N, C-alpha and C. Protein backbone atom coordinates (compact mmCIF):
# COMPACT_ATOMS: atom_id res chain seq x y z
N MET A 1 91.39 132.26 109.83
CA MET A 1 91.37 133.20 108.85
C MET A 1 91.78 132.79 107.58
N LEU A 2 91.20 132.67 106.70
CA LEU A 2 91.95 132.51 105.20
C LEU A 2 92.75 133.62 104.46
N PHE A 3 93.60 133.26 103.62
CA PHE A 3 94.43 134.26 103.40
C PHE A 3 93.36 135.54 102.44
N ASN A 4 92.54 134.98 101.70
CA ASN A 4 91.46 135.97 100.98
C ASN A 4 90.93 136.94 102.19
N GLU A 5 90.64 136.34 103.11
CA GLU A 5 89.87 137.25 104.39
C GLU A 5 91.04 138.47 104.65
N ILE A 6 92.30 137.92 104.92
CA ILE A 6 93.20 138.94 105.32
C ILE A 6 93.53 139.96 104.45
N ILE A 7 93.60 139.63 103.25
CA ILE A 7 93.92 140.46 101.98
C ILE A 7 92.85 141.48 101.96
N TYR A 8 91.41 140.89 102.06
CA TYR A 8 90.22 141.82 101.86
C TYR A 8 90.44 143.03 103.08
N LEU A 9 90.93 142.69 104.51
CA LEU A 9 90.77 143.40 105.36
C LEU A 9 91.93 144.33 105.39
N LEU A 10 93.16 143.96 104.94
CA LEU A 10 94.30 144.78 104.71
C LEU A 10 94.06 146.00 103.74
N SER A 11 93.16 145.46 102.41
CA SER A 11 92.99 146.40 101.46
C SER A 11 91.87 147.53 102.04
N GLY A 12 90.89 147.03 102.81
CA GLY A 12 89.93 147.83 103.36
C GLY A 12 90.58 148.84 104.21
N CYS A 13 91.70 148.69 105.08
CA CYS A 13 92.17 149.52 105.91
C CYS A 13 93.06 150.76 105.19
N MET A 14 93.62 150.12 104.02
CA MET A 14 94.52 150.91 103.11
C MET A 14 93.63 151.93 102.56
N VAL A 15 92.49 151.65 102.01
CA VAL A 15 91.54 152.35 101.43
C VAL A 15 90.91 153.47 102.38
N THR A 16 90.74 152.84 103.63
CA THR A 16 90.09 153.93 104.46
C THR A 16 91.06 154.75 104.90
N VAL A 17 92.68 154.45 105.03
CA VAL A 17 93.66 155.43 105.13
C VAL A 17 93.84 155.89 104.16
N PHE A 18 93.84 155.82 102.67
CA PHE A 18 93.94 156.86 101.86
C PHE A 18 92.75 157.94 101.72
N LEU A 19 91.55 157.38 101.80
CA LEU A 19 90.33 158.05 101.90
C LEU A 19 90.51 159.24 102.94
N SER A 20 91.01 158.89 104.41
CA SER A 20 91.09 159.67 105.26
C SER A 20 92.21 161.02 104.76
N LEU A 21 93.47 160.33 104.32
CA LEU A 21 94.33 161.53 103.98
C LEU A 21 93.66 162.44 102.84
N ILE A 22 93.11 161.89 101.94
CA ILE A 22 92.35 162.82 100.81
C ILE A 22 91.43 163.60 101.84
N TYR A 23 90.56 163.29 102.47
CA TYR A 23 89.67 164.26 103.29
C TYR A 23 90.65 165.26 104.14
N LEU A 24 91.61 164.92 104.64
CA LEU A 24 92.41 165.67 105.67
C LEU A 24 93.13 166.93 104.70
N LYS A 25 93.49 166.42 103.51
CA LYS A 25 94.08 167.34 102.53
C LYS A 25 92.98 168.49 101.92
N TYR A 26 91.67 167.91 101.51
CA TYR A 26 90.82 168.87 101.32
C TYR A 26 90.26 169.71 102.43
N ARG A 27 90.31 169.08 103.42
CA ARG A 27 89.86 170.16 104.82
C ARG A 27 90.92 171.28 105.13
N MET A 28 92.15 170.81 104.99
CA MET A 28 93.48 171.84 105.51
C MET A 28 93.89 172.67 104.19
N ARG A 29 93.17 172.51 103.27
CA ARG A 29 93.79 173.40 101.98
C ARG A 29 93.63 174.98 101.94
N HIS A 30 92.80 175.48 103.03
CA HIS A 30 92.76 176.88 103.00
C HIS A 30 93.48 177.42 104.37
N LEU A 31 94.35 176.39 105.18
CA LEU A 31 95.02 176.63 106.39
C LEU A 31 95.95 177.62 106.01
N PRO A 32 96.43 178.48 106.88
CA PRO A 32 97.81 179.18 106.63
C PRO A 32 98.94 178.17 106.85
N SER A 33 100.26 178.77 106.18
CA SER A 33 101.21 177.95 106.61
C SER A 33 102.08 178.51 107.80
N VAL A 34 102.93 177.63 108.28
CA VAL A 34 103.67 177.73 109.69
C VAL A 34 104.23 179.54 109.46
N GLU A 35 104.94 179.67 108.45
CA GLU A 35 105.48 181.13 108.46
C GLU A 35 104.56 182.32 108.63
N GLU A 36 103.31 182.02 107.82
CA GLU A 36 102.29 183.17 108.19
C GLU A 36 101.68 183.10 109.51
N LEU A 37 101.75 182.01 110.24
CA LEU A 37 101.13 182.12 111.62
C LEU A 37 102.04 182.71 112.31
N ILE A 38 103.61 182.22 112.26
CA ILE A 38 104.56 183.06 112.92
C ILE A 38 104.51 184.65 112.82
N LEU A 39 104.26 185.06 111.59
CA LEU A 39 104.31 186.41 111.38
C LEU A 39 103.02 187.22 112.14
N VAL A 40 101.96 186.31 112.19
CA VAL A 40 100.73 186.78 112.91
C VAL A 40 100.86 186.79 114.13
N GLN A 41 101.45 185.71 114.78
CA GLN A 41 101.72 185.62 116.31
C GLN A 41 102.63 186.90 116.66
N LYS A 42 103.90 187.09 115.66
CA LYS A 42 104.70 188.41 115.95
C LYS A 42 103.91 189.54 116.38
N SER A 43 103.00 189.88 115.50
CA SER A 43 102.55 191.07 115.20
C SER A 43 101.47 191.19 116.63
N ILE A 44 100.75 190.15 116.64
CA ILE A 44 99.99 190.23 118.09
C ILE A 44 100.75 190.53 119.22
N CYS A 45 102.01 189.81 119.43
CA CYS A 45 102.84 189.89 120.30
C CYS A 45 103.38 191.34 120.49
N GLU A 46 103.49 191.75 119.42
CA GLU A 46 103.91 193.36 119.46
C GLU A 46 103.05 194.36 119.89
N ASP A 47 101.73 194.01 119.31
CA ASP A 47 100.56 194.88 119.78
C ASP A 47 100.35 194.80 121.18
N MET A 48 100.63 193.45 121.83
CA MET A 48 100.07 193.19 123.25
C MET A 48 101.32 193.99 124.05
N PHE A 49 102.67 193.93 123.71
CA PHE A 49 103.76 194.53 124.26
C PHE A 49 103.69 196.23 124.29
N PHE A 50 102.77 196.72 123.08
CA PHE A 50 102.99 198.18 123.17
C PHE A 50 101.52 198.45 124.09
N LEU A 51 100.55 197.64 124.07
CA LEU A 51 99.27 197.93 124.98
C LEU A 51 99.74 197.79 126.60
N ASN A 52 100.70 196.78 126.80
CA ASN A 52 101.15 196.63 128.18
C ASN A 52 101.64 197.46 128.36
N ASN A 53 102.82 198.22 127.66
CA ASN A 53 103.51 199.60 128.13
C ASN A 53 102.65 200.76 128.53
N GLU A 54 101.53 200.93 127.59
CA GLU A 54 100.83 201.99 127.65
C GLU A 54 99.69 202.02 128.93
N SER A 55 99.28 200.55 129.35
CA SER A 55 98.75 200.43 130.55
C SER A 55 99.47 200.69 131.94
N MET A 56 100.71 200.17 131.70
CA MET A 56 101.79 200.39 132.86
C MET A 56 102.08 201.92 133.18
N ALA A 57 102.19 202.63 132.18
CA ALA A 57 102.22 204.20 132.05
C ALA A 57 100.95 204.81 132.97
N ILE A 58 100.08 204.29 132.58
CA ILE A 58 98.81 204.91 133.16
C ILE A 58 98.68 204.34 134.63
N LEU A 59 98.98 203.22 134.75
CA LEU A 59 99.16 202.99 136.21
C LEU A 59 100.22 203.35 137.13
N ASN A 60 101.34 203.60 136.40
CA ASN A 60 102.46 204.46 137.25
C ASN A 60 101.87 205.95 137.61
N LYS A 61 101.34 206.33 136.48
CA LYS A 61 100.69 207.90 136.78
C LYS A 61 99.63 208.02 137.76
N ARG A 62 98.81 207.04 137.73
CA ARG A 62 97.84 206.94 138.75
C ARG A 62 98.24 206.75 140.19
N LYS A 63 99.49 206.02 140.07
CA LYS A 63 100.10 205.62 141.56
C LYS A 63 100.83 206.65 142.11
N ARG A 64 101.68 207.49 141.13
CA ARG A 64 101.95 208.75 141.46
C ARG A 64 101.14 209.90 142.32
N GLU A 65 99.90 209.94 141.10
CA GLU A 65 98.63 210.73 142.04
C GLU A 65 98.05 210.19 143.24
N LEU A 66 98.00 209.06 143.41
CA LEU A 66 97.34 208.81 144.81
C LEU A 66 98.47 208.97 145.83
N TYR A 67 99.93 208.78 145.63
CA TYR A 67 100.69 208.71 146.44
C TYR A 67 101.08 210.76 146.77
N ASN A 68 100.95 211.11 145.98
CA ASN A 68 100.78 212.64 146.14
C ASN A 68 99.61 212.91 146.81
N GLU A 69 98.58 212.40 146.89
CA GLU A 69 97.14 212.70 147.50
C GLU A 69 97.54 212.43 149.00
N MET A 70 97.98 211.21 149.24
CA MET A 70 97.97 210.70 150.45
C MET A 70 98.97 211.65 151.25
N LYS A 71 100.17 211.87 150.50
CA LYS A 71 101.33 212.77 151.20
C LYS A 71 100.47 213.98 151.58
N GLY A 72 99.52 214.55 150.54
CA GLY A 72 98.88 215.76 151.05
C GLY A 72 98.08 215.44 152.44
N LEU A 73 97.14 214.74 152.22
CA LEU A 73 96.27 214.31 153.56
C LEU A 73 96.95 213.91 154.64
N LEU A 74 98.22 213.42 154.85
CA LEU A 74 98.96 213.23 155.81
C LEU A 74 99.38 214.41 156.39
N ARG A 75 100.02 215.42 155.63
CA ARG A 75 100.39 217.04 155.83
C ARG A 75 99.55 217.50 156.61
N ASP A 76 97.96 217.34 155.92
CA ASP A 76 96.95 218.16 156.47
C ASP A 76 96.43 217.82 157.61
N TYR A 77 96.57 216.41 157.96
CA TYR A 77 96.15 215.71 158.98
C TYR A 77 97.39 216.17 160.41
N ASP A 78 98.74 216.44 160.08
CA ASP A 78 99.59 216.73 161.00
C ASP A 78 99.70 217.88 161.21
N GLU A 79 98.94 218.96 160.92
CA GLU A 79 99.13 220.37 161.14
C GLU A 79 98.10 220.36 162.40
N THR A 80 98.70 221.18 163.37
CA THR A 80 98.06 221.11 164.59
C THR A 80 96.69 221.84 164.84
N ASP A 81 96.65 222.80 164.07
CA ASP A 81 95.53 223.64 163.87
C ASP A 81 94.38 223.27 163.31
N LYS A 82 94.27 221.95 162.52
CA LYS A 82 93.47 221.34 162.11
C LYS A 82 92.85 220.05 162.69
N THR A 83 93.68 219.73 163.49
CA THR A 83 93.11 218.50 164.42
C THR A 83 92.32 219.05 165.84
N PHE A 84 91.22 218.24 165.95
CA PHE A 84 90.31 218.77 167.16
C PHE A 84 90.74 217.80 168.38
N HIS A 85 91.10 218.47 169.57
CA HIS A 85 91.12 217.35 170.86
C HIS A 85 90.15 217.77 171.67
């Protein structure tokens, strides 16, 4: 290869990289900053934690109700006058 061809290839690569950087800057101009993303992630995490606590409370309440119902059914089953022989 001649020296001129190498210079043309290098300048073409540099122009391509430069135009790619300009395009990426143009595309990323409306993206939020890292600090904004961290704040959004923190608020989402707090909301999920709150909803998880609510769902756990509902599940624990339902578990207690089912346990009490099971105890009542077992108590009714153990009474001798209600069982048939």
